[in-house]
Amino acid sequence: MGLKLHTKIILGFVIAIGVLLLTSAGSWYSIQQLAYYTQRVEHTYQVLQGVANLRTHMRDAQSHVRSYLLLTDTTARTSFRQVLPEARADFEQLRRLTLDNLHQQNRLDTLEQAVEDEGRYLSAWMQQHPSTDAVRQLVLGDRQRQLQLRKLLNRVHLEEEALLRERRRRQDFFEHTTPAAIVVSAVLAALIVAWLFTKINQELRANEQLQRELARNNEAMARRIQLIEGLANKVVQGDYTVKISDREQDSLGNLATSLNHMTQTLDTSFAALENRNRELDQFAYVASHDLKAPLRGVLTVVKWIEDELPHELSPQMRQYLDMMKGRLHRLEDLINGLLAYARAGRTEQKLEEVNLTQLVRETAELVVPPTFRVDIPAPLPVFTTDRLSLQQVFTNLIGNAAKYHNRPDGRITVRCLDVGECYQFRVEDDGPGIAPQFHQKVFLMFQTLRDRHTAESTGIGLSIVKKIIEEKKGTIHLESAEGEGAAFIFTWPKQVKS
């Protein structure tokens, strides 16, 4: 009994999907293996390069010592002091790269001791008086160490070369099998699709009437979809009062009803948000005028008392009046800080090209005492951003670094690192530092870690900084320990949306 066309098409699809899945799985596995062994080969080259770099630096170290002892070349001492840390860095890189190789790790344990012995030996000779005889004794005494060091490096090198040959063999294998698997998959897919196309083509003629009916339905659907697109465009433009008149009881009709409810909800929500913004602006006005006016009045009364009764006031009373003025000034600063925090991130930003080096210099001149030094080891970037917000961040961080320093003089360093879509800035000082348990506390409002009689602070500055940075989709954190200075690290996007 012959199979029906419908059954043949279904069976053909099942076979096609099965074959495609099998061939695709084989191709995927082959591609994954190729990528894996390609990465392994690259990894092995990195290890070999690390071995070569370590060998070169250790050879350079002895060469610098010989130059110093033979030629009394003082620059060789500087070069020697530079090359040893580079050699140690090469070794640490080798250690990291071979974490998955126990044999290499065991060799590196011995190699580490050899490198350290060689470093100590050469360092001792750098303290000797230059002479030809000293060079001769250096070479004779170092011969055994150099021989052992070369042997260890050669063993590591040979092990990696063996791994490289094996990995290259497997990489070559998958380089040849991957294209073959893909070609086979494509050919099988083409054959099956051609067979299915022949069978399906027989059904097309019988479906012409159905297609015409579908075309009429599509035209109706298109008109309704255009109405929905029009609504979406108006919503994008900020018009949340638009509605769609579609009473059909189908998916598009239900979608139109849902969109009508959505626009109504958006209209209500944005109206409520505008009311909240107006309330916040009213609060800012009250804070900046109505609350500060009585404070100024009390300060004026205190000044009148001091002016009218200069001889009747006892020293104790003058002390009380000074304390009162200090508390009133602090309260005024708190009100100003709250006002700044409420407005942070809500002002209209103005994008402009900013030279960060110049901006930091100008900021330092305003908030850093002349006894402090502000260092910028490398030029900071020039890019287009919200200058006012970024300047406010640097003003708070640099000003705090000087304000809370434990000495009348100090050093503040500003660095920048390109981390892709953002710049990472680092503002560090050599002050008293901050204990780890207070690292999160400093970003909270009204939090200050020093006695307010020692350094006046509202505890709002870092809260404003954190709010501004988070408004720009950046992050900020603190790295510090007691007695080791403090470093505030924050990210800032290269492109700020206007």
Protein backbone atom coordinates (compact mmCIF):
# COMPACT_ATOMS: atom_id res chain seq x y z
CA MET A 1 0.00 0.00 0.00
CA GLY A 2 1.45 3.35 -1.02
CA LEU A 3 1.85 6.13 1.48
CA LYS A 4 -0.20 9.29 1.18
CA LEU A 5 1.57 12.46 0.09
CA HIS A 6 0.95 14.06 3.43
CA THR A 7 2.53 11.10 5.20
CA LYS A 8 5.50 11.12 2.81
CA ILE A 9 6.14 14.81 3.47
CA ILE A 10 6.01 14.29 7.23
CA LEU A 11 8.30 11.25 6.96
CA GLY A 12 10.67 13.19 4.74
CA PHE A 13 10.80 16.06 7.23
CA VAL A 14 11.50 13.63 10.07
CA ILE A 15 14.34 12.00 8.12
CA ALA A 16 15.70 15.40 7.04
CA ILE A 17 15.64 16.76 10.57
CA GLY A 18 17.29 13.57 11.88
CA VAL A 19 20.07 13.68 9.30
CA LEU A 20 20.60 17.40 9.78
CA LEU A 21 20.75 16.98 13.55
CA LEU A 22 23.30 14.17 13.28
CA THR A 23 25.48 15.95 10.74
CA SER A 24 25.14 19.24 12.62
CA ALA A 25 26.13 17.54 15.85
CA GLY A 26 29.17 16.04 14.13
CA SER A 27 30.08 19.41 12.61
CA TRP A 28 29.57 21.17 15.93
CA TYR A 29 31.76 18.66 17.74
CA SER A 30 34.46 18.97 15.10
CA ILE A 31 34.35 22.78 15.23
CA GLN A 32 34.49 22.75 19.03
CA GLN A 33 37.47 20.43 19.02
CA LEU A 34 39.19 22.56 16.39
CA ALA A 35 38.62 25.69 18.46
CA TYR A 36 39.81 23.91 21.61
CA TYR A 37 43.06 22.63 20.12
CA THR A 38 43.67 25.94 18.40
CA GLN A 39 43.41 27.61 21.80
CA ARG A 40 45.66 24.92 23.30
CA VAL A 41 48.27 25.48 20.60
CA GLU A 42 48.17 29.23 21.26
CA HIS A 43 48.46 28.53 24.98
CA THR A 44 51.54 26.36 24.38
CA TYR A 45 53.13 29.12 22.30
CA GLN A 46 52.55 31.49 25.20
CA VAL A 47 54.33 29.11 27.57
CA LEU A 48 57.23 28.74 25.15
CA GLN A 49 57.44 32.50 24.82
CA GLY A 50 57.40 32.80 28.63
CA VAL A 51 60.29 30.33 28.87
CA ALA A 52 62.22 32.32 26.25
CA ASN A 53 61.54 35.59 28.06
CA LEU A 54 62.68 34.16 31.40
CA ARG A 55 65.85 32.78 29.82
CA THR A 56 66.55 36.16 28.18
CA HIS A 57 66.00 38.16 31.37
CA MET A 58 68.21 35.86 33.48
CA ARG A 59 70.92 36.09 30.83
CA ASP A 60 70.52 39.88 30.74
CA ALA A 61 70.79 40.00 34.54
CA GLN A 62 74.23 38.33 34.48
CA SER A 63 75.23 40.53 31.53
CA HIS A 64 74.39 43.69 33.51
CA VAL A 65 76.44 42.46 36.47
CA ARG A 66 79.44 41.75 34.18
CA SER A 67 79.09 45.18 32.58
CA TYR A 68 79.13 46.80 35.98
CA LEU A 69 82.13 44.83 37.29
CA LEU A 70 84.10 45.07 34.08
CA LEU A 71 83.30 48.59 32.82
CA THR A 72 82.13 50.25 36.07
CA ASP A 73 78.94 51.07 34.16
CA THR A 74 76.56 52.52 36.75
CA THR A 75 73.66 52.34 34.32
CA ALA A 76 74.04 48.57 34.42
CA ARG A 77 73.03 48.64 38.10
CA THR A 78 69.79 50.37 37.18
CA SER A 79 69.16 47.91 34.37
CA PHE A 80 69.90 45.02 36.72
CA ARG A 81 67.37 46.26 39.27
CA GLN A 82 64.79 46.43 36.47
CA VAL A 83 65.44 43.07 34.88
CA LEU A 84 65.07 40.93 38.04
CA PRO A 85 61.39 41.94 38.63
CA GLU A 86 60.77 41.27 34.94
CA ALA A 87 62.22 37.79 35.34
CA ARG A 88 60.04 37.17 38.39
CA ALA A 89 57.03 38.37 36.40
CA ASP A 90 57.93 35.93 33.61
CA PHE A 91 58.11 33.12 36.13
CA GLU A 92 54.73 34.00 37.66
CA GLN A 93 53.24 34.03 34.16
CA LEU A 94 54.67 30.57 33.55
CA ARG A 95 53.19 29.43 36.85
CA ARG A 96 49.73 30.67 35.84
CA LEU A 97 49.92 29.25 32.33
CA THR A 98 50.90 25.76 33.51
CA LEU A 99 48.38 25.35 36.32
CA ASP A 100 46.76 22.52 34.32
CA ASN A 101 50.07 20.64 33.97
CA LEU A 102 51.22 18.92 37.19
CA HIS A 103 54.56 17.86 35.72
CA GLN A 104 55.39 21.39 34.68
CA GLN A 105 54.30 22.72 38.07
CA ASN A 106 56.75 20.34 39.78
CA ARG A 107 59.53 21.52 37.47
CA LEU A 108 58.62 25.12 38.17
CA ASP A 109 59.02 24.54 41.92
CA THR A 110 62.65 23.60 41.28
CA LEU A 111 63.03 26.36 38.68
CA GLU A 112 61.72 28.95 41.14
CA GLN A 113 64.44 28.04 43.65
CA ALA A 114 67.07 28.20 40.91
CA VAL A 115 65.88 31.63 39.77
CA GLU A 116 65.87 32.94 43.34
CA ASP A 117 69.38 31.55 43.97
CA GLU A 118 70.66 33.12 40.78
CA GLY A 119 69.05 36.45 41.68
CA ARG A 120 70.58 36.49 45.16
CA TYR A 121 73.97 35.49 43.77
CA LEU A 122 73.99 38.23 41.13
CA SER A 123 72.64 40.81 43.61
CA ALA A 124 75.54 40.06 45.95
CA TRP A 125 78.06 40.69 43.16
CA MET A 126 76.46 44.05 42.39
CA GLN A 127 77.73 45.15 45.81
CA GLN A 128 81.35 44.21 44.98
CA HIS A 129 84.04 46.58 43.80
CA PRO A 130 84.38 46.53 39.96
CA SER A 131 87.43 44.72 38.63
CA THR A 132 88.50 42.21 36.01
CA ASP A 133 89.19 39.64 38.70
CA ALA A 134 85.67 40.11 40.08
CA VAL A 135 84.23 39.37 36.65
CA ARG A 136 86.30 36.22 36.39
CA GLN A 137 85.19 35.04 39.84
CA LEU A 138 81.55 35.89 38.99
CA VAL A 139 81.61 33.77 35.82
CA LEU A 140 83.37 30.84 37.48
CA GLY A 141 81.07 30.87 40.50
CA ASP A 142 77.94 31.22 38.40
CA ARG A 143 78.75 28.51 35.88
CA GLN A 144 77.05 25.70 37.80
CA ARG A 145 73.96 27.80 38.56
CA GLN A 146 73.61 28.89 34.93
CA LEU A 147 73.98 25.28 33.79
CA GLN A 148 71.25 24.11 36.19
CA LEU A 149 69.01 26.99 35.17
CA ARG A 150 69.42 26.18 31.47
CA LYS A 151 68.69 22.50 32.11
CA LEU A 152 65.49 23.32 33.97
CA LEU A 153 64.37 25.77 31.30
CA ASN A 154 65.17 23.22 28.58
CA ARG A 155 63.07 20.58 30.36
CA VAL A 156 60.12 22.94 30.53
CA HIS A 157 60.70 23.87 26.89
CA LEU A 158 60.91 20.24 25.73
CA GLU A 159 57.73 19.32 27.63
CA GLU A 160 55.85 22.17 25.96
CA GLU A 161 57.23 21.27 22.54
CA ALA A 162 55.94 17.71 23.02
CA LEU A 163 52.55 19.09 23.98
CA LEU A 164 52.70 21.42 20.98
CA ARG A 165 53.34 18.55 18.56
CA GLU A 166 50.45 16.52 19.97
CA ARG A 167 48.09 19.50 19.94
CA ARG A 168 49.11 20.50 16.43
CA ARG A 169 48.46 16.91 15.29
CA ARG A 170 44.96 17.00 16.72
CA GLN A 171 44.41 20.51 15.38
CA ASP A 172 45.41 19.38 11.87
CA PHE A 173 43.06 16.41 12.16
CA PHE A 174 40.06 18.56 13.01
CA GLU A 175 41.07 21.17 10.42
CA HIS A 176 40.56 18.48 7.76
CA THR A 177 37.51 16.78 9.26
CA THR A 178 35.55 19.96 10.00
CA PRO A 179 35.17 21.10 6.35
CA ALA A 180 34.36 17.53 5.33
CA ALA A 181 31.64 17.27 7.96
CA ILE A 182 30.17 20.59 6.89
CA VAL A 183 30.21 19.63 3.19
CA VAL A 184 28.55 16.27 3.89
CA SER A 185 25.91 17.99 5.99
CA ALA A 186 25.25 20.55 3.27
CA VAL A 187 24.99 17.91 0.51
CA LEU A 188 22.59 15.74 2.49
CA ALA A 189 20.50 18.75 3.38
CA ALA A 190 20.39 19.85 -0.27
CA LEU A 191 19.28 16.39 -1.43
CA ILE A 192 16.57 16.11 1.17
CA VAL A 193 15.35 19.63 0.53
CA ALA A 194 15.20 18.95 -3.22
CA TRP A 195 13.09 15.85 -2.63
CA LEU A 196 10.79 17.69 -0.25
CA PHE A 197 10.49 20.58 -2.69
CA THR A 198 9.32 18.20 -5.42
CA LYS A 199 6.67 16.72 -3.17
CA ILE A 200 5.50 20.04 -1.78
CA ASN A 201 5.29 21.59 -5.25
CA GLN A 202 2.51 19.13 -6.02
CA GLU A 203 0.46 20.64 -3.23
CA LEU A 204 0.92 24.24 -4.34
CA ARG A 205 -1.56 24.12 -7.22
CA ALA A 206 -4.29 22.81 -4.94
CA ASN A 207 -3.64 25.66 -2.51
CA GLU A 208 -4.01 28.60 -4.92
CA GLN A 209 -7.58 29.30 -3.82
CA LEU A 210 -6.51 29.20 -0.20
CA GLN A 211 -3.70 31.64 -0.93
CA ARG A 212 -6.09 34.14 -2.47
CA GLU A 213 -8.23 33.95 0.63
CA LEU A 214 -5.19 34.37 2.78
CA ALA A 215 -4.13 37.39 0.72
CA ARG A 216 -7.44 39.09 1.46
CA ASN A 217 -7.01 38.29 5.15
CA ASN A 218 -3.44 39.58 5.07
CA GLU A 219 -4.55 42.90 3.65
CA ALA A 220 -7.01 43.28 6.50
CA MET A 221 -4.35 42.27 9.00
CA ALA A 222 -1.90 44.73 7.46
CA ARG A 223 -4.31 47.61 7.95
CA ARG A 224 -4.84 46.65 11.57
CA ILE A 225 -1.10 46.25 12.14
CA GLN A 226 -0.54 49.71 10.65
CA LEU A 227 -2.90 51.08 13.26
CA ILE A 228 -0.88 49.34 15.99
CA GLU A 229 2.41 50.65 14.52
CA GLY A 230 0.95 54.15 14.46
CA LEU A 231 0.07 53.82 18.14
CA ALA A 232 3.58 52.58 18.94
CA ASN A 233 5.17 55.51 17.08
CA LYS A 234 3.02 58.02 18.94
CA VAL A 235 3.94 56.40 22.26
CA VAL A 236 7.62 56.70 21.33
CA GLN A 237 7.03 60.40 20.62
CA GLY A 238 5.51 60.85 24.09
CA ASP A 239 1.80 60.82 23.25
CA TYR A 240 0.22 58.41 25.77
CA THR A 241 -3.40 59.43 25.12
CA VAL A 242 -3.69 57.63 21.75
CA LYS A 243 -6.16 54.71 21.45
CA ILE A 244 -6.97 52.00 18.86
CA SER A 245 -10.54 51.23 17.79
CA ASP A 246 -10.43 47.47 17.06
CA ARG A 247 -13.32 45.34 18.34
CA GLU A 248 -12.36 42.09 16.60
CA GLN A 249 -12.26 39.04 18.88
CA ASP A 250 -8.88 37.67 17.78
CA SER A 251 -5.20 38.01 18.70
CA LEU A 252 -4.80 41.44 17.11
CA GLY A 253 -7.99 42.63 18.77
CA ASN A 254 -6.71 41.43 22.14
CA LEU A 255 -3.35 43.07 21.43
CA ALA A 256 -5.08 46.36 20.60
CA THR A 257 -7.02 46.20 23.89
CA SER A 258 -3.81 45.49 25.81
CA LEU A 259 -2.03 48.39 24.10
CA ASN A 260 -4.91 50.71 24.98
CA HIS A 261 -4.59 49.66 28.62
CA MET A 262 -0.82 50.13 28.43
CA THR A 263 -1.05 53.68 27.07
CA GLN A 264 -3.58 54.57 29.73
CA THR A 265 -1.29 53.18 32.44
CA LEU A 266 1.72 55.01 30.98
CA ASP A 267 -0.23 58.26 30.85
CA THR A 268 -1.20 57.86 34.51
CA SER A 269 2.32 56.84 35.57
CA PHE A 270 4.07 59.70 33.79
CA ALA A 271 1.57 62.16 35.23
CA ALA A 272 2.34 60.81 38.70
CA LEU A 273 6.07 61.05 37.97
CA GLU A 274 5.75 64.66 36.90
CA ASN A 275 3.88 65.38 40.15
CA ARG A 276 6.70 63.73 42.13
CA ASN A 277 9.28 65.80 40.28
CA ARG A 278 7.36 68.97 41.02
CA GLU A 279 7.15 67.96 44.68
CA LEU A 280 10.90 67.36 44.72
CA ASP A 281 11.54 70.75 43.14
CA GLN A 282 9.24 72.32 45.76
CA PHE A 283 11.21 70.55 48.47
CA ALA A 284 14.45 71.90 47.02
CA TYR A 285 12.98 75.40 47.04
CA VAL A 286 11.87 75.08 50.67
CA ALA A 287 15.25 73.64 51.67
CA SER A 288 17.16 76.45 49.95
CA HIS A 289 14.98 79.33 51.12
CA ASP A 290 12.44 78.64 53.86
CA LEU A 291 14.73 76.42 55.97
CA LYS A 292 17.87 78.52 55.51
CA ALA A 293 16.16 81.83 56.29
CA PRO A 294 15.58 81.03 60.02
CA LEU A 295 19.17 79.81 60.31
CA ARG A 296 20.47 83.09 58.96
CA GLY A 297 18.17 84.87 61.42
CA VAL A 298 19.62 82.98 64.39
CA LEU A 299 23.15 83.67 63.14
CA THR A 300 22.26 87.36 62.91
CA VAL A 301 20.94 87.34 66.50
CA VAL A 302 24.15 85.70 67.72
CA LYS A 303 26.19 88.36 65.91
CA TRP A 304 24.05 91.10 67.49
CA ILE A 305 24.71 89.64 70.94
CA GLU A 306 28.45 89.63 70.25
CA ASP A 307 28.36 93.19 68.90
CA GLU A 308 26.02 94.70 71.55
CA LEU A 309 27.46 92.98 74.62
CA PRO A 310 31.17 92.62 73.91
CA HIS A 311 32.21 93.36 77.51
CA GLU A 312 29.39 91.55 79.33
CA LEU A 313 30.09 88.18 77.72
CA SER A 314 32.25 85.84 79.73
CA PRO A 315 34.81 83.62 77.97
CA GLN A 316 32.56 80.64 78.66
CA MET A 317 29.60 82.44 77.05
CA ARG A 318 31.72 83.35 74.01
CA GLN A 319 32.68 79.70 73.70
CA TYR A 320 29.00 78.74 73.77
CA LEU A 321 28.19 81.32 71.12
CA ASP A 322 31.02 80.05 68.90
CA MET A 323 29.72 76.50 69.33
CA MET A 324 26.23 77.70 68.40
CA LYS A 325 27.53 79.38 65.23
CA GLY A 326 29.43 76.24 64.29
CA ARG A 327 26.33 74.08 64.70
CA LEU A 328 24.23 76.55 62.69
CA HIS A 329 26.78 76.63 59.87
CA ARG A 330 26.87 72.84 59.92
CA LEU A 331 23.06 72.68 59.69
CA GLU A 332 23.17 75.04 56.73
CA ASP A 333 25.77 72.81 55.07
CA LEU A 334 23.54 69.78 55.67
CA ILE A 335 20.61 71.56 53.99
CA ASN A 336 22.83 72.50 51.04
CA GLY A 337 24.08 68.91 50.86
CA LEU A 338 20.54 67.51 50.85
CA LEU A 339 19.63 69.96 48.13
CA ALA A 340 22.65 68.90 46.04
CA TYR A 341 21.83 65.22 46.56
CA ALA A 342 18.21 65.74 45.50
CA ARG A 343 19.29 67.52 42.34
CA ALA A 344 22.18 65.19 41.50
CA GLY A 345 21.56 63.52 38.15
CA ARG A 346 18.36 65.53 37.50
CA THR A 347 19.90 68.59 35.92
CA GLU A 348 19.98 68.76 32.13
CA GLN A 349 23.37 67.53 31.03
CA LYS A 350 25.44 69.39 28.47
CA LEU A 351 27.73 67.20 26.39
CA GLU A 352 31.02 68.75 25.35
CA GLU A 353 34.58 67.70 24.60
CA VAL A 354 36.51 67.50 27.86
CA ASN A 355 40.27 67.41 28.35
CA LEU A 356 40.46 65.37 31.56
CA THR A 357 44.05 66.39 32.35
CA GLN A 358 43.10 70.05 32.20
CA LEU A 359 39.87 69.46 34.15
CA VAL A 360 41.71 67.66 36.99
CA ARG A 361 44.34 70.40 37.15
CA GLU A 362 41.70 73.12 37.35
CA THR A 363 39.77 71.19 40.00
CA ALA A 364 42.91 70.65 42.09
CA GLU A 365 43.69 74.38 42.05
CA LEU A 366 40.26 75.07 43.56
CA VAL A 367 40.02 72.41 46.29
CA VAL A 368 43.59 71.29 47.11
CA PRO A 369 45.86 73.37 49.40
CA PRO A 370 49.16 74.50 47.84
CA THR A 371 51.09 72.25 50.24
CA PHE A 372 49.65 69.18 48.48
CA ARG A 373 50.90 67.67 45.24
CA VAL A 374 48.53 66.28 42.60
CA ASP A 375 50.23 63.79 40.24
CA ILE A 376 48.92 62.61 36.86
CA PRO A 377 51.48 59.95 35.80
CA ALA A 378 50.01 59.55 32.30
CA PRO A 379 47.89 61.92 30.18
CA LEU A 380 44.18 61.50 30.83
CA PRO A 381 41.80 61.00 27.87
CA VAL A 382 39.98 63.65 25.89
CA PHE A 383 36.39 62.69 25.07
CA THR A 384 32.86 64.07 24.81
CA THR A 385 30.85 63.75 28.03
CA ASP A 386 28.84 65.61 30.69
CA ARG A 387 31.57 67.93 31.91
CA LEU A 388 29.69 69.38 34.90
CA SER A 389 28.82 65.99 36.42
CA LEU A 390 32.33 64.57 35.93
CA GLN A 391 33.88 67.73 37.41
CA GLN A 392 31.61 67.40 40.46
CA VAL A 393 32.82 63.82 40.97
CA PHE A 394 36.50 64.81 40.79
CA THR A 395 35.89 67.85 43.02
CA ASN A 396 34.47 65.68 45.80
CA LEU A 397 37.05 62.89 45.54
CA ILE A 398 40.13 65.13 45.25
CA GLY A 399 38.80 67.56 47.86
CA ASN A 400 38.14 64.71 50.33
CA ALA A 401 41.63 63.30 49.76
CA ALA A 402 43.14 66.60 50.93
CA LYS A 403 40.52 67.41 53.57
CA TYR A 404 40.83 64.13 55.46
CA HIS A 405 44.60 63.80 55.16
CA ASN A 406 46.46 63.29 58.42
CA ARG A 407 49.26 65.69 57.41
CA PRO A 408 49.27 69.28 56.19
CA ASP A 409 51.00 68.08 53.04
CA GLY A 410 50.51 64.99 50.95
CA ARG A 411 50.26 63.52 47.49
CA ILE A 412 47.14 62.76 45.42
CA THR A 413 47.45 60.65 42.27
CA VAL A 414 44.89 60.43 39.45
CA ARG A 415 45.14 57.59 36.92
CA CYS A 416 42.98 56.30 34.06
CA LEU A 417 42.59 52.89 32.43
CA ASP A 418 40.70 52.12 29.21
CA VAL A 419 38.40 49.14 29.97
CA GLY A 420 36.41 48.96 26.73
CA GLU A 421 33.14 50.87 26.77
CA CYS A 422 34.21 52.79 29.90
CA TYR A 423 37.18 54.59 31.37
CA GLN A 424 38.25 53.48 34.84
CA PHE A 425 39.56 56.36 36.97
CA ARG A 426 41.57 55.95 40.15
CA VAL A 427 41.95 58.79 42.70
CA GLU A 428 44.37 57.72 45.44
CA ASP A 429 46.17 59.46 48.28
CA ASP A 430 48.87 58.67 50.83
CA GLY A 431 46.72 59.61 53.84
CA PRO A 432 45.67 57.63 56.92
CA GLY A 433 43.56 55.11 54.98
CA ILE A 434 40.19 53.58 55.83
CA ALA A 435 39.64 50.26 57.58
CA PRO A 436 37.85 47.61 55.44
CA GLN A 437 34.79 47.51 57.72
CA PHE A 438 34.04 51.16 56.78
CA HIS A 439 34.38 50.81 52.98
CA GLN A 440 30.62 50.69 52.38
CA LYS A 441 29.74 53.09 55.18
CA VAL A 442 31.51 56.05 53.55
CA PHE A 443 29.01 56.05 50.67
CA LEU A 444 25.99 56.38 52.97
CA MET A 445 24.43 59.77 53.68
CA PHE A 446 25.53 61.66 56.82
CA GLN A 447 28.38 59.18 57.41
CA THR A 448 31.81 60.53 58.31
CA LEU A 449 34.64 58.60 59.92
CA ARG A 450 36.38 61.52 61.67
CA ASP A 451 35.42 63.77 64.54
CA ARG A 452 33.48 66.72 63.10
CA HIS A 453 35.47 69.06 65.36
CA THR A 454 38.59 67.83 63.55
CA ALA A 455 37.30 68.05 59.98
CA GLU A 456 33.92 69.59 59.17
CA SER A 457 31.88 67.27 56.96
CA THR A 458 28.21 66.74 56.20
CA GLY A 459 28.74 63.14 55.11
CA ILE A 460 26.86 63.76 51.84
CA GLY A 461 29.67 64.34 49.33
CA LEU A 462 30.41 60.69 48.57
CA SER A 463 26.69 59.93 48.45
CA ILE A 464 26.36 62.55 45.71
CA VAL A 465 29.36 61.09 43.89
CA LYS A 466 27.87 57.59 44.02
CA LYS A 467 24.49 58.84 42.81
CA ILE A 468 26.00 60.75 39.85
CA ILE A 469 28.14 57.78 38.78
CA GLU A 470 25.25 55.32 39.03
CA GLU A 471 23.06 57.71 36.99
CA LYS A 472 25.70 57.38 34.25
CA LYS A 473 25.58 53.54 34.57
CA GLY A 474 29.03 53.47 36.19
CA THR A 475 30.35 51.92 39.39
CA ILE A 476 32.50 53.11 42.29
CA HIS A 477 34.32 51.29 45.07
CA LEU A 478 37.04 51.88 47.63
CA GLU A 479 40.40 50.15 48.07
CA SER A 480 42.14 51.02 51.33
CA ALA A 481 43.59 49.83 54.61
CA GLU A 482 44.51 51.70 57.77
CA GLY A 483 47.79 53.55 57.39
CA GLU A 484 48.11 52.77 53.66
CA GLY A 485 46.18 55.58 52.00
CA ALA A 486 42.89 55.30 50.14
CA ALA A 487 41.97 54.80 46.47
CA PHE A 488 38.53 55.50 45.01
CA ILE A 489 38.02 53.65 41.71
CA PHE A 490 35.08 54.51 39.47
CA THR A 491 34.04 53.86 35.88
CA TRP A 492 32.64 56.44 33.46
CA PRO A 493 31.11 55.61 30.06
CA LYS A 494 32.94 56.84 26.98
CA GLN A 495 29.63 57.74 25.33
CA VAL A 496 26.99 59.38 27.52
CA LYS A 497 23.51 59.43 26.01
CA SER A 498 22.14 62.94 25.77
